[in-house]
Amino acid sequence: MSILRCLFICSLVLVVRDATADGVPDECTQLILGIAPTWNSMRGELRLFERSHGGDWSPVAGPFSALFGKKGVAWGTGLVGQNEPGLRKKERDGRAPAGVFEIGQVFGYESKLPAGADYPYHQVTEADVWSDDPRSPNYNRHIVIDPKNPPDNYTHEKMRSGDFAYHWLIEIRHNSDPPIPGAGSAIFFHTRRGVNRPTTGCTTMARTDLVRLITWLRAKRHPCYALLPATEYDKKWRSWNLPPPERFGRDGYSTMTR
């Protein structure tokens, strides 16, 4: 083989490698896929996919209805998407983060996970909070405080507020490594408050769908969440190692409530 031919082949390998380097990591073999019709959509759909290491994605559940931010979605900071041009997720902007994200812990009010679940879990008490104060060194972190003597000049989201919507929380690791002050905090999957009640940045669904998601997750499979508007999905699914649109029906977008 000539030197020129070797160089040509090596350059092709590097191009392919670069094209997929920023996609869903190979170790991620469980994928939660969210599609919003547009950047400003508060409603969309979720689907669950699995693959073997190095294999193709296969659908395992969905679609089921989801609610995003009340103002739609914006690029977040996670595994993929933080270098994209366009609207960026900010604290209290009413938008859910778009991109690809790791899944963190499950939190909840119960002493244990629902039957059949096997995933890292933390039962929350009145002392468990998630800092949403960009001035705090604990911004976008789960911390434990003394609820009778909370820190000064501190705002937070109580993780055991009694709100049924927070009965179960699945952490979406947006803006986590490390947190950038003001780039958005406390992003979770949780139960929706109503079919027309979007969030300020979380992804919500019916309680039965959320419990189904919790029981499906497995830490050893390194689950990820990908959320994109439909037009961005068309552009990026191949380079980001996402399921091809035909895997879940190209007409699926048209069924979404806009």
Protein backbone atom coordinates (compact mmCIF):
# COMPACT_ATOMS: atom_id res chain seq x y z
CA MET A 1 0.00 0.00 0.00
CA SER A 2 1.41 3.38 -0.98
CA ILE A 3 2.18 6.06 1.58
CA LEU A 4 -0.36 8.41 -0.03
CA ARG A 5 -3.08 5.77 0.15
CA CYS A 6 -2.29 5.12 3.81
CA LEU A 7 -2.50 8.80 4.59
CA PHE A 8 -5.81 9.05 2.75
CA ILE A 9 -7.33 6.13 4.67
CA CYS A 10 -6.04 7.49 7.99
CA SER A 11 -7.54 10.89 7.25
CA LEU A 12 -10.92 9.28 6.53
CA VAL A 13 -10.79 7.42 9.85
CA LEU A 14 -10.02 10.65 11.68
CA VAL A 15 -12.89 12.45 9.95
CA VAL A 16 -15.34 9.70 10.94
CA ARG A 17 -13.96 9.72 14.47
CA ASP A 18 -14.33 13.49 14.75
CA ALA A 19 -17.85 13.35 13.34
CA THR A 20 -18.97 11.02 16.13
CA ALA A 21 -16.69 12.17 18.95
CA ASP A 22 -19.24 14.64 20.28
CA GLY A 23 -22.22 12.30 20.11
CA VAL A 24 -23.85 10.04 22.66
CA PRO A 25 -21.01 8.19 24.43
CA ASP A 26 -20.47 4.53 23.50
CA GLU A 27 -20.98 3.53 27.14
CA CYS A 28 -24.53 4.92 27.08
CA THR A 29 -26.78 1.98 26.18
CA GLN A 30 -30.05 3.40 27.52
CA LEU A 31 -31.41 6.55 25.91
CA ILE A 32 -34.35 8.76 26.83
CA LEU A 33 -35.19 10.72 23.69
CA GLY A 34 -37.24 13.92 23.87
CA ILE A 35 -38.43 15.72 20.73
CA ALA A 36 -40.01 19.18 20.83
CA PRO A 37 -41.74 20.37 17.63
CA THR A 38 -39.97 23.77 17.81
CA TRP A 39 -37.64 25.75 20.07
CA ASN A 40 -40.66 27.46 21.61
CA SER A 41 -42.76 24.33 22.18
CA MET A 42 -43.77 23.48 25.71
CA ARG A 43 -45.11 20.06 24.69
CA GLY A 44 -43.46 17.10 23.03
CA GLU A 45 -42.86 13.37 23.22
CA LEU A 46 -40.49 10.99 24.98
CA ARG A 47 -39.29 7.59 23.79
CA LEU A 48 -37.00 5.01 25.37
CA PHE A 49 -34.27 3.20 23.43
CA GLU A 50 -31.68 0.55 24.20
CA ARG A 51 -28.65 -0.83 22.43
CA SER A 52 -25.81 -3.24 23.03
CA HIS A 53 -22.28 -1.84 23.11
CA GLY A 54 -21.50 -0.87 19.52
CA GLY A 55 -25.01 -1.83 18.38
CA ASP A 56 -27.96 0.04 16.89
CA TRP A 57 -30.69 1.70 18.91
CA SER A 58 -33.94 -0.23 19.33
CA PRO A 59 -37.15 1.35 20.66
CA VAL A 60 -38.47 -0.16 23.89
CA ALA A 61 -41.23 2.25 24.97
CA GLY A 62 -43.13 5.33 23.90
CA PRO A 63 -44.11 7.70 22.68
CA PHE A 64 -45.56 9.29 25.77
CA SER A 65 -46.45 12.92 26.28
CA ALA A 66 -44.04 15.29 27.99
CA LEU A 67 -44.06 18.91 29.06
CA PHE A 68 -40.93 21.06 28.82
CA GLY A 69 -40.30 24.67 29.82
CA LYS A 70 -43.18 27.12 29.52
CA LYS A 71 -41.12 29.04 26.94
CA GLY A 72 -39.75 25.97 25.18
CA VAL A 73 -36.15 24.78 25.09
CA ALA A 74 -32.66 26.31 24.78
CA TRP A 75 -29.17 24.85 24.49
CA GLY A 76 -27.93 23.46 27.78
CA THR A 77 -24.59 22.29 29.14
CA GLY A 78 -24.04 18.56 29.32
CA LEU A 79 -22.34 15.85 27.28
CA VAL A 80 -23.26 17.43 23.94
CA GLY A 81 -24.79 20.75 22.87
CA GLN A 82 -22.91 23.30 24.95
CA ASN A 83 -20.88 24.47 21.94
CA GLU A 84 -23.87 25.04 19.67
CA PRO A 85 -24.68 28.60 18.54
CA GLY A 86 -28.04 29.99 19.51
CA LEU A 87 -30.20 30.54 22.56
CA ARG A 88 -28.62 29.35 25.83
CA LYS A 89 -30.38 28.06 28.93
CA LYS A 90 -30.32 30.53 31.85
CA GLU A 91 -31.62 30.52 35.41
CA ARG A 92 -35.41 31.07 35.57
CA ASP A 93 -35.74 31.59 31.80
CA GLY A 94 -38.64 29.13 31.52
CA ARG A 95 -36.79 26.86 29.06
CA ALA A 96 -35.70 23.24 29.30
CA PRO A 97 -32.08 22.50 28.33
CA ALA A 98 -31.51 20.93 24.90
CA GLY A 99 -28.59 18.63 24.15
CA VAL A 100 -27.43 15.30 25.55
CA PHE A 101 -27.13 14.81 29.32
CA GLU A 102 -26.14 12.15 31.79
CA ILE A 103 -28.75 10.87 34.23
CA GLY A 104 -27.88 11.36 37.89
CA GLN A 105 -29.56 9.99 41.00
CA VAL A 106 -33.21 9.32 41.68
CA PHE A 107 -34.65 11.19 44.67
CA GLY A 108 -37.97 10.60 46.38
CA TYR A 109 -40.18 10.71 49.43
CA GLU A 110 -40.34 6.91 49.85
CA SER A 111 -37.95 4.71 51.79
CA LYS A 112 -37.17 2.72 48.65
CA LEU A 113 -37.64 2.80 44.89
CA PRO A 114 -40.75 1.44 43.16
CA ALA A 115 -40.90 -2.34 42.74
CA GLY A 116 -38.56 -3.54 40.00
CA ALA A 117 -36.28 -0.49 40.11
CA ASP A 118 -32.53 -0.79 40.60
CA TYR A 119 -30.79 2.58 40.50
CA PRO A 120 -28.86 4.92 42.85
CA TYR A 121 -31.45 6.43 45.16
CA HIS A 122 -31.65 9.00 47.94
CA GLN A 123 -34.68 9.44 50.17
CA VAL A 124 -35.15 13.14 50.83
CA THR A 125 -36.08 14.80 54.10
CA GLU A 126 -36.80 18.40 55.07
CA ALA A 127 -33.03 18.93 55.21
CA ASP A 128 -32.47 18.08 51.53
CA VAL A 129 -32.37 21.06 49.18
CA TRP A 130 -31.10 21.91 45.73
CA SER A 131 -29.40 25.29 45.51
CA ASP A 132 -30.74 27.60 42.79
CA ASP A 133 -28.81 30.66 44.02
CA PRO A 134 -26.08 31.62 41.49
CA ARG A 135 -24.22 33.43 44.31
CA SER A 136 -23.87 30.27 46.34
CA PRO A 137 -20.76 28.05 46.19
CA ASN A 138 -23.26 25.17 46.23
CA TYR A 139 -25.16 26.43 43.17
CA ASN A 140 -26.88 23.59 41.31
CA ARG A 141 -25.89 21.06 43.93
CA HIS A 142 -27.83 18.76 46.23
CA ILE A 143 -26.92 19.70 49.80
CA VAL A 144 -28.18 19.02 53.29
CA ILE A 145 -28.93 21.97 55.57
CA ASP A 146 -30.41 22.56 59.00
CA PRO A 147 -34.00 23.47 58.05
CA LYS A 148 -34.42 25.30 61.36
CA ASN A 149 -31.35 27.42 60.74
CA PRO A 150 -30.86 27.82 56.96
CA PRO A 151 -27.82 29.72 55.63
CA ASP A 152 -28.09 33.50 55.27
CA ASN A 153 -28.81 35.06 51.86
CA TYR A 154 -29.75 31.68 50.51
CA THR A 155 -32.49 30.52 48.16
CA HIS A 156 -33.16 26.92 47.38
CA GLU A 157 -35.68 24.40 46.20
CA LYS A 158 -36.92 22.14 48.95
CA MET A 159 -36.75 18.54 47.79
CA ARG A 160 -39.39 17.37 50.25
CA SER A 161 -41.96 20.12 50.06
CA GLY A 162 -45.01 17.89 50.11
CA ASP A 163 -45.66 18.73 46.46
CA PHE A 164 -46.92 15.56 44.73
CA ALA A 165 -45.02 16.57 41.59
CA TYR A 166 -41.72 16.10 43.46
CA HIS A 167 -42.61 12.71 44.94
CA TRP A 168 -40.07 11.21 42.53
CA LEU A 169 -37.24 13.17 40.91
CA ILE A 170 -34.71 11.96 38.34
CA GLU A 171 -31.68 14.20 38.06
CA ILE A 172 -30.85 15.49 34.56
CA ARG A 173 -27.19 16.51 34.74
CA HIS A 174 -27.37 19.91 33.08
CA ASN A 175 -24.73 22.48 34.06
CA SER A 176 -23.13 20.06 36.50
CA ASP A 177 -19.39 19.66 35.79
CA PRO A 178 -18.78 22.24 37.16
CA PRO A 179 -21.88 24.42 37.51
CA ILE A 180 -21.68 27.82 35.81
CA PRO A 181 -23.46 30.47 37.91
CA GLY A 182 -26.68 31.55 36.25
CA ALA A 183 -26.68 28.84 33.54
CA GLY A 184 -29.61 26.96 35.06
CA SER A 185 -30.16 24.65 38.02
CA ALA A 186 -32.40 21.94 39.48
CA ILE A 187 -33.29 20.20 36.23
CA PHE A 188 -35.21 16.95 36.74
CA PHE A 189 -37.76 14.56 35.33
CA HIS A 190 -40.81 14.67 37.58
CA THR A 191 -44.58 14.23 37.60
CA ARG A 192 -46.55 16.86 35.74
CA ARG A 193 -48.99 19.03 37.66
CA GLY A 194 -51.50 18.94 34.81
CA VAL A 195 -51.69 18.38 31.08
CA ASN A 196 -51.36 22.13 30.49
CA ARG A 197 -48.87 22.97 33.26
CA PRO A 198 -45.37 23.30 31.77
CA THR A 199 -42.29 23.89 33.91
CA THR A 200 -39.53 26.46 34.29
CA GLY A 201 -36.97 24.00 32.91
CA CYS A 202 -37.73 20.42 33.94
CA THR A 203 -39.26 17.66 31.82
CA THR A 204 -42.52 16.33 33.25
CA MET A 205 -44.91 13.53 32.41
CA ALA A 206 -47.75 11.48 33.85
CA ARG A 207 -46.85 9.72 37.12
CA THR A 208 -47.29 6.26 35.60
CA ASP A 209 -44.81 7.11 32.84
CA LEU A 210 -42.33 8.51 35.37
CA VAL A 211 -42.49 5.36 37.49
CA ARG A 212 -42.04 3.27 34.36
CA LEU A 213 -38.93 5.29 33.54
CA ILE A 214 -37.51 4.83 37.05
CA THR A 215 -37.98 1.06 36.94
CA TRP A 216 -36.30 0.88 33.51
CA LEU A 217 -33.10 2.76 34.40
CA ARG A 218 -29.92 0.82 35.16
CA ALA A 219 -26.73 2.54 36.29
CA LYS A 220 -24.45 -0.01 34.59
CA ARG A 221 -25.96 1.03 31.26
CA HIS A 222 -25.02 4.71 31.75
CA PRO A 223 -28.39 6.19 30.71
CA CYS A 224 -28.53 9.52 28.87
CA TYR A 225 -31.23 12.03 27.96
CA ALA A 226 -31.29 13.71 24.56
CA LEU A 227 -33.70 16.61 24.03
CA LEU A 228 -33.89 18.44 20.70
CA PRO A 229 -36.35 20.38 18.56
CA ALA A 230 -37.41 18.33 15.53
CA THR A 231 -35.46 20.41 13.01
CA GLU A 232 -32.24 20.06 15.04
CA TYR A 233 -32.82 16.34 15.38
CA ASP A 234 -32.97 16.03 11.59
CA LYS A 235 -29.59 17.77 11.37
CA LYS A 236 -27.78 16.02 14.19
CA TRP A 237 -29.07 12.50 14.75
CA ARG A 238 -26.35 10.87 12.65
CA SER A 239 -23.34 12.78 14.00
CA TRP A 240 -24.64 12.58 17.57
CA ASN A 241 -25.16 8.80 17.42
CA LEU A 242 -28.91 9.09 17.99
CA PRO A 243 -31.61 6.73 16.65
CA PRO A 244 -32.47 7.31 12.98
CA PRO A 245 -35.90 8.96 12.58
CA GLU A 246 -37.32 5.90 10.82
CA ARG A 247 -36.74 3.91 14.00
CA PHE A 248 -39.72 5.65 15.54
CA GLY A 249 -41.70 6.76 12.49
CA ARG A 250 -40.87 9.93 10.60
CA ASP A 251 -44.48 11.06 10.85
CA GLY A 252 -44.20 11.02 14.65
CA TYR A 253 -43.47 14.74 14.88
CA SER A 254 -46.77 15.63 13.23
CA THR A 255 -48.70 13.92 16.04
CA MET A 256 -47.37 16.29 18.69
CA THR A 257 -49.47 19.08 20.13
CA ARG A 258 -47.94 22.37 19.08
